[in-house]
Amino acid sequence: MRAFLDRWRTPLIWGAILTVSCFSQSYISYTDDVRRSGVGHFGRDFATQATSHIVLAVLVPAIYWMQRHFPIASPRNFVVHCGALIVFSLAHTLGFAGLRMIWFAGILGEDYHFPITLGRLWYEFTKDVFTYAMMNAGIVAFAYLAERRAAAVPAPAPAAEPPPAAHPERFAVRKRGGSEVMVETAEIDWIEASGNYAILHVAGETFEIRSSLAKLEAELDPRRFVRVHKSHVVNITRVAEVTPWVSGDWRIRLQDGAEVNLSRRYRQRFEALAPVRS
């Protein structure tokens, strides 16, 4: 259960926020109609809000992508986000307009007409400015809270370093066809788990070795190789870049162009070898 919550915490939070917002705004619209005219139609108000919130939920990953590549905290990215806001508003407006036509006709049995005019698009844009800003603020806040939470939980202590002589300098790995080649340990870029095998990534080539990732990690020099994820070990000398990711995780780019996650669970161990200055 804990693993499930760790994996789906962020989507569940966004789902809860959008669900509460949808129902609360539907109720507000309904009560406003009753106060003005004495007649309300909750089903119609709910359809209007639900279609809008469904499209917002679909757009959440796109906003995360923008935050990863163009952090809104950086002033130089302001123009980029202004352009993204226009695209966001158009996608939101046209998306919920299409969903409403389907919902009203298929569920409520009513016709729905949405005028695609500059005036209506501008009206929706002015509302989306606030929505876009609040969604970005939420992403930044979630990342900050996740980082604080990860910092408060100590990472597993690294295993005691065995004598240098215990670390192999090369591995004999079998290539397709049956022949064996020697792979220098220092030339390994990173290693990933694959069932009962570990896959060595070496200068653009991959080699399978029959070993668990934990067993292989214990054999390697901990001053050079570090666990960054339950399925990945990297050669610290091959790390080219470390950037913030989602929910307190970081993203590691290696010199061969590969990218792997630096899980917050293993961040303390990684920073013991290569401190990250955020």
C-alpha atoms as a PDB file:
ATOM      1  CA  MET A   1       0.000   0.000   0.000  1.00  0.00           C
ATOM      2  CA  ARG A   2       2.850   2.370   0.844  1.00  0.00           C
ATOM      3  CA  ALA A   3       4.473   1.726  -2.533  1.00  0.00           C
ATOM      4  CA  PHE A   4       1.133   2.428  -4.252  1.00  0.00           C
ATOM      5  CA  LEU A   5       0.719   5.742  -2.405  1.00  0.00           C
ATOM      6  CA  ASP A   6       4.313   6.781  -3.141  1.00  0.00           C
ATOM      7  CA  ARG A   7       3.785   6.071  -6.840  1.00  0.00           C
ATOM      8  CA  TRP A   8       0.329   7.639  -7.215  1.00  0.00           C
ATOM      9  CA  ARG A   9       0.389  10.333  -4.523  1.00  0.00           C
ATOM     10  CA  THR A  10       0.626  13.246  -6.956  1.00  0.00           C
ATOM     11  CA  PRO A  11      -2.122  12.048  -9.372  1.00  0.00           C
ATOM     12  CA  LEU A  12      -4.408  11.285  -6.413  1.00  0.00           C
ATOM     13  CA  ILE A  13      -3.871  14.763  -4.956  1.00  0.00           C
ATOM     14  CA  TRP A  14      -4.638  16.427  -8.287  1.00  0.00           C
ATOM     15  CA  GLY A  15      -7.687  14.198  -8.722  1.00  0.00           C
ATOM     16  CA  ALA A  16      -8.987  15.185  -5.280  1.00  0.00           C
ATOM     17  CA  ILE A  17      -8.387  18.902  -5.893  1.00  0.00           C
ATOM     18  CA  LEU A  18     -10.152  18.889  -9.273  1.00  0.00           C
ATOM     19  CA  THR A  19     -13.048  16.781  -7.952  1.00  0.00           C
ATOM     20  CA  VAL A  20     -13.688  19.104  -4.998  1.00  0.00           C
ATOM     21  CA  SER A  21     -13.399  22.149  -7.282  1.00  0.00           C
ATOM     22  CA  CYS A  22     -15.836  20.626  -9.790  1.00  0.00           C
ATOM     23  CA  PHE A  23     -18.552  19.873  -7.238  1.00  0.00           C
ATOM     24  CA  SER A  24     -18.142  23.140  -5.336  1.00  0.00           C
ATOM     25  CA  GLN A  25     -18.333  25.273  -8.487  1.00  0.00           C
ATOM     26  CA  SER A  26     -21.327  23.251  -9.714  1.00  0.00           C
ATOM     27  CA  TYR A  27     -23.141  23.925  -6.435  1.00  0.00           C
ATOM     28  CA  ILE A  28     -22.269  27.644  -6.559  1.00  0.00           C
ATOM     29  CA  SER A  29     -23.615  27.928 -10.114  1.00  0.00           C
ATOM     30  CA  TYR A  30     -26.771  26.065  -9.111  1.00  0.00           C
ATOM     31  CA  THR A  31     -27.464  28.278  -6.083  1.00  0.00           C
ATOM     32  CA  ASP A  32     -26.773  31.427  -8.139  1.00  0.00           C
ATOM     33  CA  ASP A  33     -29.368  30.290 -10.715  1.00  0.00           C
ATOM     34  CA  VAL A  34     -31.918  29.602  -7.976  1.00  0.00           C
ATOM     35  CA  ARG A  35     -31.308  32.987  -6.367  1.00  0.00           C
ATOM     36  CA  ARG A  36     -31.636  34.888  -9.652  1.00  0.00           C
ATOM     37  CA  SER A  37     -34.563  33.074 -11.261  1.00  0.00           C
ATOM     38  CA  GLY A  38     -35.949  30.706  -8.658  1.00  0.00           C
ATOM     39  CA  VAL A  39     -35.128  27.728 -10.913  1.00  0.00           C
ATOM     40  CA  GLY A  40     -31.922  25.692 -11.013  1.00  0.00           C
ATOM     41  CA  HIS A  41     -30.678  22.675 -12.945  1.00  0.00           C
ATOM     42  CA  PHE A  42     -27.819  20.999 -11.097  1.00  0.00           C
ATOM     43  CA  GLY A  43     -27.282  18.416 -13.850  1.00  0.00           C
ATOM     44  CA  ARG A  44     -26.621  21.148 -16.414  1.00  0.00           C
ATOM     45  CA  ASP A  45     -24.332  23.069 -14.050  1.00  0.00           C
ATOM     46  CA  PHE A  46     -22.434  19.887 -13.191  1.00  0.00           C
ATOM     47  CA  ALA A  47     -21.987  19.012 -16.875  1.00  0.00           C
ATOM     48  CA  THR A  48     -20.567  22.474 -17.525  1.00  0.00           C
ATOM     49  CA  GLN A  49     -18.048  22.226 -14.693  1.00  0.00           C
ATOM     50  CA  ALA A  50     -17.184  18.536 -15.153  1.00  0.00           C
ATOM     51  CA  THR A  51     -16.232  18.968 -18.816  1.00  0.00           C
ATOM     52  CA  SER A  52     -13.976  21.900 -17.921  1.00  0.00           C
ATOM     53  CA  HIS A  53     -12.278  19.989 -15.101  1.00  0.00           C
ATOM     54  CA  ILE A  54     -11.800  16.847 -17.204  1.00  0.00           C
ATOM     55  CA  VAL A  55      -9.838  18.862 -19.761  1.00  0.00           C
ATOM     56  CA  LEU A  56      -7.811  20.487 -16.963  1.00  0.00           C
ATOM     57  CA  ALA A  57      -6.920  17.016 -15.655  1.00  0.00           C
ATOM     58  CA  VAL A  58      -5.710  16.026 -19.125  1.00  0.00           C
ATOM     59  CA  LEU A  59      -3.580  19.191 -19.295  1.00  0.00           C
ATOM     60  CA  VAL A  60      -1.853  18.640 -15.915  1.00  0.00           C
ATOM     61  CA  PRO A  61       0.971  16.465 -17.407  1.00  0.00           C
ATOM     62  CA  ALA A  62       1.642  19.159 -20.028  1.00  0.00           C
ATOM     63  CA  ILE A  63       2.096  21.766 -17.281  1.00  0.00           C
ATOM     64  CA  TYR A  64       4.479  19.418 -15.448  1.00  0.00           C
ATOM     65  CA  TRP A  65       6.457  19.130 -18.696  1.00  0.00           C
ATOM     66  CA  MET A  66       6.640  22.918 -18.943  1.00  0.00           C
ATOM     67  CA  GLN A  67       7.830  23.170 -15.342  1.00  0.00           C
ATOM     68  CA  ARG A  68      10.574  20.600 -15.915  1.00  0.00           C
ATOM     69  CA  HIS A  69      11.911  22.262 -19.056  1.00  0.00           C
ATOM     70  CA  PHE A  70      11.037  25.913 -18.337  1.00  0.00           C
ATOM     71  CA  PRO A  71      10.773  26.459 -14.548  1.00  0.00           C
ATOM     72  CA  ILE A  72       8.364  29.312 -13.960  1.00  0.00           C
ATOM     73  CA  ALA A  73      10.548  30.613 -11.120  1.00  0.00           C
ATOM     74  CA  SER A  74      13.124  31.688 -13.717  1.00  0.00           C
ATOM     75  CA  PRO A  75      12.379  35.206 -15.112  1.00  0.00           C
ATOM     76  CA  ARG A  76      13.837  34.299 -18.511  1.00  0.00           C
ATOM     77  CA  ASN A  77      11.084  31.693 -18.957  1.00  0.00           C
ATOM     78  CA  PHE A  78       8.282  34.232 -18.495  1.00  0.00           C
ATOM     79  CA  VAL A  79       7.830  34.783 -22.249  1.00  0.00           C
ATOM     80  CA  VAL A  80       7.753  31.019 -22.848  1.00  0.00           C
ATOM     81  CA  HIS A  81       4.961  30.618 -20.302  1.00  0.00           C
ATOM     82  CA  CYS A  82       3.026  33.510 -21.849  1.00  0.00           C
ATOM     83  CA  GLY A  83       3.000  31.607 -25.133  1.00  0.00           C
ATOM     84  CA  ALA A  84       2.148  28.367 -23.339  1.00  0.00           C
ATOM     85  CA  LEU A  85      -0.763  30.129 -21.625  1.00  0.00           C
ATOM     86  CA  ILE A  86      -2.332  30.925 -25.006  1.00  0.00           C
ATOM     87  CA  VAL A  87      -2.019  27.292 -26.117  1.00  0.00           C
ATOM     88  CA  PHE A  88      -3.337  26.116 -22.723  1.00  0.00           C
ATOM     89  CA  SER A  89      -6.409  28.361 -22.961  1.00  0.00           C
ATOM     90  CA  LEU A  90      -7.225  27.310 -26.531  1.00  0.00           C
ATOM     91  CA  ALA A  91      -6.858  23.613 -25.656  1.00  0.00           C
ATOM     92  CA  HIS A  92      -8.990  24.043 -22.533  1.00  0.00           C
ATOM     93  CA  THR A  93     -11.722  26.051 -24.255  1.00  0.00           C
ATOM     94  CA  LEU A  94     -12.024  23.927 -27.399  1.00  0.00           C
ATOM     95  CA  GLY A  95     -11.709  20.736 -25.358  1.00  0.00           C
ATOM     96  CA  PHE A  96     -14.543  21.449 -22.942  1.00  0.00           C
ATOM     97  CA  ALA A  97     -16.703  22.856 -25.759  1.00  0.00           C
ATOM     98  CA  GLY A  98     -16.445  19.546 -27.612  1.00  0.00           C
ATOM     99  CA  LEU A  99     -17.104  17.500 -24.471  1.00  0.00           C
ATOM    100  CA  ARG A 100     -20.149  19.603 -23.612  1.00  0.00           C
ATOM    101  CA  MET A 101     -21.709  18.974 -27.025  1.00  0.00           C
ATOM    102  CA  ILE A 102     -21.322  15.226 -26.426  1.00  0.00           C
ATOM    103  CA  TRP A 103     -22.470  15.354 -22.775  1.00  0.00           C
ATOM    104  CA  PHE A 104     -25.511  17.570 -23.361  1.00  0.00           C
ATOM    105  CA  ALA A 105     -26.667  15.560 -26.377  1.00  0.00           C
ATOM    106  CA  GLY A 106     -25.898  12.078 -25.057  1.00  0.00           C
ATOM    107  CA  ILE A 107     -26.773  12.406 -21.350  1.00  0.00           C
ATOM    108  CA  LEU A 108     -29.042  15.429 -20.921  1.00  0.00           C
ATOM    109  CA  GLY A 109     -30.767  15.152 -24.291  1.00  0.00           C
ATOM    110  CA  GLU A 110     -30.237  18.825 -25.036  1.00  0.00           C
ATOM    111  CA  ASP A 111     -28.522  20.793 -27.777  1.00  0.00           C
ATOM    112  CA  TYR A 112     -25.437  22.756 -26.798  1.00  0.00           C
ATOM    113  CA  HIS A 113     -23.990  25.589 -28.828  1.00  0.00           C
ATOM    114  CA  PHE A 114     -20.638  27.205 -28.067  1.00  0.00           C
ATOM    115  CA  PRO A 115     -19.867  30.315 -30.144  1.00  0.00           C
ATOM    116  CA  ILE A 116     -16.220  30.304 -31.289  1.00  0.00           C
ATOM    117  CA  THR A 117     -15.763  34.068 -31.401  1.00  0.00           C
ATOM    118  CA  LEU A 118     -12.857  36.292 -30.419  1.00  0.00           C
ATOM    119  CA  GLY A 119     -14.958  37.773 -27.642  1.00  0.00           C
ATOM    120  CA  ARG A 120     -15.771  34.364 -26.144  1.00  0.00           C
ATOM    121  CA  LEU A 121     -12.170  33.123 -26.527  1.00  0.00           C
ATOM    122  CA  TRP A 122     -10.910  36.279 -24.802  1.00  0.00           C
ATOM    123  CA  TYR A 123     -13.399  35.779 -21.978  1.00  0.00           C
ATOM    124  CA  GLU A 124     -12.201  32.204 -21.445  1.00  0.00           C
ATOM    125  CA  PHE A 125      -8.573  33.323 -21.706  1.00  0.00           C
ATOM    126  CA  THR A 126      -8.991  35.845 -18.885  1.00  0.00           C
ATOM    127  CA  LYS A 127     -10.276  33.048 -16.622  1.00  0.00           C
ATOM    128  CA  ASP A 128      -7.524  30.664 -17.732  1.00  0.00           C
ATOM    129  CA  VAL A 129      -4.802  33.130 -16.714  1.00  0.00           C
ATOM    130  CA  PHE A 130      -5.748  32.519 -13.086  1.00  0.00           C
ATOM    131  CA  THR A 131      -6.195  28.775 -13.618  1.00  0.00           C
ATOM    132  CA  TYR A 132      -2.801  28.389 -15.308  1.00  0.00           C
ATOM    133  CA  ALA A 133      -1.084  30.406 -12.569  1.00  0.00           C
ATOM    134  CA  MET A 134      -2.716  28.386  -9.783  1.00  0.00           C
ATOM    135  CA  MET A 135      -1.858  25.031 -11.389  1.00  0.00           C
ATOM    136  CA  ASN A 136       1.783  26.060 -11.775  1.00  0.00           C
ATOM    137  CA  ALA A 137       1.835  27.290  -8.184  1.00  0.00           C
ATOM    138  CA  GLY A 138       0.442  23.940  -7.070  1.00  0.00           C
ATOM    139  CA  ILE A 139       3.150  22.028  -8.920  1.00  0.00           C
ATOM    140  CA  VAL A 140       5.871  24.176  -7.350  1.00  0.00           C
ATOM    141  CA  ALA A 141       4.305  23.759  -3.890  1.00  0.00           C
ATOM    142  CA  PHE A 142       4.006  19.963  -4.241  1.00  0.00           C
ATOM    143  CA  ALA A 143       7.645  19.695  -5.325  1.00  0.00           C
ATOM    144  CA  TYR A 144       8.753  21.823  -2.371  1.00  0.00           C
ATOM    145  CA  LEU A 145       6.745  19.790   0.150  1.00  0.00           C
ATOM    146  CA  ALA A 146       7.978  16.492  -1.325  1.00  0.00           C
ATOM    147  CA  GLU A 147      11.575  17.697  -1.086  1.00  0.00           C
ATOM    148  CA  ARG A 148      11.063  18.749   2.549  1.00  0.00           C
ATOM    149  CA  ARG A 149       9.482  15.375   3.311  1.00  0.00           C
ATOM    150  CA  ALA A 150      12.326  13.482   1.647  1.00  0.00           C
ATOM    151  CA  ALA A 151      14.916  15.529   3.538  1.00  0.00           C
ATOM    152  CA  ALA A 152      13.227  14.654   6.847  1.00  0.00           C
ATOM    153  CA  VAL A 153      13.411  10.898   6.154  1.00  0.00           C
ATOM    154  CA  PRO A 154      16.971   9.559   6.342  1.00  0.00           C
ATOM    155  CA  ALA A 155      18.011   7.510   3.336  1.00  0.00           C
ATOM    156  CA  PRO A 156      19.271   3.972   3.856  1.00  0.00           C
ATOM    157  CA  ALA A 157      22.838   4.081   5.114  1.00  0.00           C
ATOM    158  CA  PRO A 158      25.359   3.033   2.474  1.00  0.00           C
ATOM    159  CA  ALA A 159      26.944  -0.340   2.980  1.00  0.00           C
ATOM    160  CA  ALA A 160      30.343  -0.421   4.584  1.00  0.00           C
ATOM    161  CA  GLU A 161      33.082  -0.155   1.975  1.00  0.00           C
ATOM    162  CA  PRO A 162      34.941  -3.419   1.424  1.00  0.00           C
ATOM    163  CA  PRO A 163      38.680  -3.361   0.827  1.00  0.00           C
ATOM    164  CA  PRO A 164      39.617  -1.971  -2.613  1.00  0.00           C
ATOM    165  CA  ALA A 165      40.943  -5.362  -3.686  1.00  0.00           C
ATOM    166  CA  ALA A 166      37.413  -6.816  -3.373  1.00  0.00           C
ATOM    167  CA  HIS A 167      36.121  -4.726  -6.306  1.00  0.00           C
ATOM    168  CA  PRO A 168      36.540  -6.388  -9.712  1.00  0.00           C
ATOM    169  CA  GLU A 169      38.225  -4.271 -12.363  1.00  0.00           C
ATOM    170  CA  ARG A 170      36.570  -6.124 -15.263  1.00  0.00           C
ATOM    171  CA  PHE A 171      33.713  -8.503 -16.059  1.00  0.00           C
ATOM    172  CA  ALA A 172      33.534 -11.342 -18.562  1.00  0.00           C
ATOM    173  CA  VAL A 173      30.199 -10.988 -20.361  1.00  0.00           C
ATOM    174  CA  ARG A 174      28.720 -13.185 -23.046  1.00  0.00           C
ATOM    175  CA  LYS A 175      27.778 -11.634 -26.378  1.00  0.00           C
ATOM    176  CA  ARG A 176      25.164 -12.978 -28.718  1.00  0.00           C
ATOM    177  CA  GLY A 177      26.672 -15.916 -30.560  1.00  0.00           C
ATOM    178  CA  GLY A 178      28.348 -17.365 -27.497  1.00  0.00           C
ATOM    179  CA  SER A 179      31.653 -15.468 -27.428  1.00  0.00           C
ATOM    180  CA  GLU A 180      32.781 -13.690 -24.272  1.00  0.00           C
ATOM    181  CA  VAL A 181      34.326 -10.245 -24.012  1.00  0.00           C
ATOM    182  CA  MET A 182      35.986  -8.442 -21.143  1.00  0.00           C
ATOM    183  CA  VAL A 183      34.285  -5.236 -19.962  1.00  0.00           C
ATOM    184  CA  GLU A 184      36.314  -2.797 -17.880  1.00  0.00           C
ATOM    185  CA  THR A 185      34.373  -1.764 -14.773  1.00  0.00           C
ATOM    186  CA  ALA A 186      35.482   1.874 -15.161  1.00  0.00           C
ATOM    187  CA  GLU A 187      33.923   1.974 -18.662  1.00  0.00           C
ATOM    188  CA  ILE A 188      30.414   1.033 -17.448  1.00  0.00           C
ATOM    189  CA  ASP A 189      28.095   4.050 -17.765  1.00  0.00           C
ATOM    190  CA  TRP A 190      25.127   2.666 -15.846  1.00  0.00           C
ATOM    191  CA  ILE A 191      23.386  -0.582 -14.938  1.00  0.00           C
ATOM    192  CA  GLU A 192      19.709  -1.465 -14.894  1.00  0.00           C
ATOM    193  CA  ALA A 193      17.825  -4.394 -13.411  1.00  0.00           C
ATOM    194  CA  SER A 194      16.017  -6.812 -15.727  1.00  0.00           C
ATOM    195  CA  GLY A 195      14.508  -9.726 -13.816  1.00  0.00           C
ATOM    196  CA  ASN A 196      17.266 -12.186 -12.889  1.00  0.00           C
ATOM    197  CA  TYR A 197      19.746 -10.260 -15.045  1.00  0.00           C
ATOM    198  CA  ALA A 198      21.529  -6.934 -14.882  1.00  0.00           C
ATOM    199  CA  ILE A 199      22.091  -4.963 -18.082  1.00  0.00           C
ATOM    200  CA  LEU A 200      25.434  -3.177 -18.383  1.00  0.00           C
ATOM    201  CA  HIS A 201      25.447  -0.046 -20.560  1.00  0.00           C
ATOM    202  CA  VAL A 202      28.951   0.438 -21.911  1.00  0.00           C
ATOM    203  CA  ALA A 203      29.826   3.070 -24.553  1.00  0.00           C
ATOM    204  CA  GLY A 204      26.491   2.721 -26.325  1.00  0.00           C
ATOM    205  CA  GLU A 205      26.430  -1.101 -26.108  1.00  0.00           C
ATOM    206  CA  THR A 206      24.452  -3.300 -23.728  1.00  0.00           C
ATOM    207  CA  PHE A 207      25.538  -6.572 -22.149  1.00  0.00           C
ATOM    208  CA  GLU A 208      23.494  -8.916 -19.977  1.00  0.00           C
ATOM    209  CA  ILE A 209      25.008 -10.515 -16.910  1.00  0.00           C
ATOM    210  CA  ARG A 210      23.214 -13.062 -14.750  1.00  0.00           C
ATOM    211  CA  SER A 211      23.129 -11.279 -11.423  1.00  0.00           C
ATOM    212  CA  SER A 212      20.701  -9.292  -9.309  1.00  0.00           C
ATOM    213  CA  LEU A 213      21.284  -5.555  -9.181  1.00  0.00           C
ATOM    214  CA  ALA A 214      21.783  -5.698  -5.387  1.00  0.00           C
ATOM    215  CA  LYS A 215      24.471  -8.395  -5.677  1.00  0.00           C
ATOM    216  CA  LEU A 216      26.259  -6.531  -8.450  1.00  0.00           C
ATOM    217  CA  GLU A 217      26.092  -3.253  -6.520  1.00  0.00           C
ATOM    218  CA  ALA A 218      27.745  -4.925  -3.519  1.00  0.00           C
ATOM    219  CA  GLU A 219      30.648  -6.045  -5.741  1.00  0.00           C
ATOM    220  CA  LEU A 220      31.296  -2.621  -7.290  1.00  0.00           C
ATOM    221  CA  ASP A 221      33.372   0.217  -5.853  1.00  0.00           C
ATOM    222  CA  PRO A 222      30.940   2.428  -3.850  1.00  0.00           C
ATOM    223  CA  ARG A 223      33.203   5.423  -4.479  1.00  0.00           C
ATOM    224  CA  ARG A 224      32.392   5.137  -8.187  1.00  0.00           C
ATOM    225  CA  PHE A 225      29.034   3.351  -8.473  1.00  0.00           C
ATOM    226  CA  VAL A 226      25.918   4.490  -6.597  1.00  0.00           C
ATOM    227  CA  ARG A 227      22.310   3.288  -6.453  1.00  0.00           C
ATOM    228  CA  VAL A 228      19.966   6.076  -7.616  1.00  0.00           C
ATOM    229  CA  HIS A 229      16.773   4.069  -8.060  1.00  0.00           C
ATOM    230  CA  LYS A 230      15.488   0.626  -7.169  1.00  0.00           C
ATOM    231  CA  SER A 231      16.267  -0.408 -10.772  1.00  0.00           C
ATOM    232  CA  HIS A 232      19.337   1.708 -11.602  1.00  0.00           C
ATOM    233  CA  VAL A 233      22.987   2.070 -10.580  1.00  0.00           C
ATOM    234  CA  VAL A 234      25.118   4.786 -12.209  1.00  0.00           C
ATOM    235  CA  ASN A 235      28.821   5.389 -12.588  1.00  0.00           C
ATOM    236  CA  ILE A 236      29.233   8.750 -10.854  1.00  0.00           C
ATOM    237  CA  THR A 237      32.031   9.747 -13.234  1.00  0.00           C
ATOM    238  CA  ARG A 238      29.614   9.384 -16.185  1.00  0.00           C
ATOM    239  CA  VAL A 239      26.969  11.785 -14.844  1.00  0.00           C
ATOM    240  CA  ALA A 240      26.642  14.866 -17.056  1.00  0.00           C
ATOM    241  CA  GLU A 241      23.669  16.714 -15.520  1.00  0.00           C
ATOM    242  CA  VAL A 242      21.177  16.529 -12.650  1.00  0.00           C
ATOM    243  CA  THR A 243      17.872  18.437 -12.898  1.00  0.00           C
ATOM    244  CA  PRO A 244      14.705  18.649 -10.724  1.00  0.00           C
ATOM    245  CA  TRP A 245      11.931  16.216 -11.654  1.00  0.00           C
ATOM    246  CA  VAL A 246       8.477  15.429 -10.208  1.00  0.00           C
ATOM    247  CA  SER A 247       7.461  14.892  -6.552  1.00  0.00           C
ATOM    248  CA  GLY A 248      10.921  15.505  -5.115  1.00  0.00           C
ATOM    249  CA  ASP A 249      12.740  13.182  -7.528  1.00  0.00           C
ATOM    250  CA  TRP A 250      15.588  14.384  -9.756  1.00  0.00           C
ATOM    251  CA  ARG A 251      16.570  13.411 -13.287  1.00  0.00           C
ATOM    252  CA  ILE A 252      20.115  12.284 -14.130  1.00  0.00           C
ATOM    253  CA  ARG A 253      21.476  12.649 -17.673  1.00  0.00           C
ATOM    254  CA  LEU A 254      24.532  10.537 -18.404  1.00  0.00           C
ATOM    255  CA  GLN A 255      27.322  11.254 -20.867  1.00  0.00           C
ATOM    256  CA  ASP A 256      25.928   8.653 -23.295  1.00  0.00           C
ATOM    257  CA  GLY A 257      22.636  10.605 -23.429  1.00  0.00           C
ATOM    258  CA  ALA A 258      20.628   8.174 -21.296  1.00  0.00           C
ATOM    259  CA  GLU A 259      18.358   9.598 -18.572  1.00  0.00           C
ATOM    260  CA  VAL A 260      17.408   7.871 -15.304  1.00  0.00           C
ATOM    261  CA  ASN A 261      15.526   8.973 -12.190  1.00  0.00           C
ATOM    262  CA  LEU A 262      17.318   9.939  -8.986  1.00  0.00           C
ATOM    263  CA  SER A 263      14.732   8.792  -6.455  1.00  0.00           C
ATOM    264  CA  ARG A 264      14.437  10.908  -3.329  1.00  0.00           C
ATOM    265  CA  ARG A 265      14.979   7.689  -1.345  1.00  0.00           C
ATOM    266  CA  TYR A 266      18.528   7.429  -2.690  1.00  0.00           C
ATOM    267  CA  ARG A 267      19.336  11.130  -3.028  1.00  0.00           C
ATOM    268  CA  GLN A 268      21.335  11.332   0.202  1.00  0.00           C
ATOM    269  CA  ARG A 269      23.547   8.475  -0.946  1.00  0.00           C
ATOM    270  CA  PHE A 270      24.086  10.164  -4.335  1.00  0.00           C
ATOM    271  CA  GLU A 271      24.886  13.536  -2.767  1.00  0.00           C
ATOM    272  CA  ALA A 272      27.495  11.920  -0.548  1.00  0.00           C
ATOM    273  CA  LEU A 273      29.511  11.440  -3.752  1.00  0.00           C
ATOM    274  CA  ALA A 274      28.230  14.375  -5.829  1.00  0.00           C
ATOM    275  CA  PRO A 275      26.422  17.141  -3.885  1.00  0.00           C
ATOM    276  CA  VAL A 276      23.499  18.710  -5.784  1.00  0.00           C
ATOM    277  CA  ARG A 277      23.194  22.466  -5.397  1.00  0.00           C
ATOM    278  CA  SER A 278      19.561  23.424  -6.082  1.00  0.00           C
END
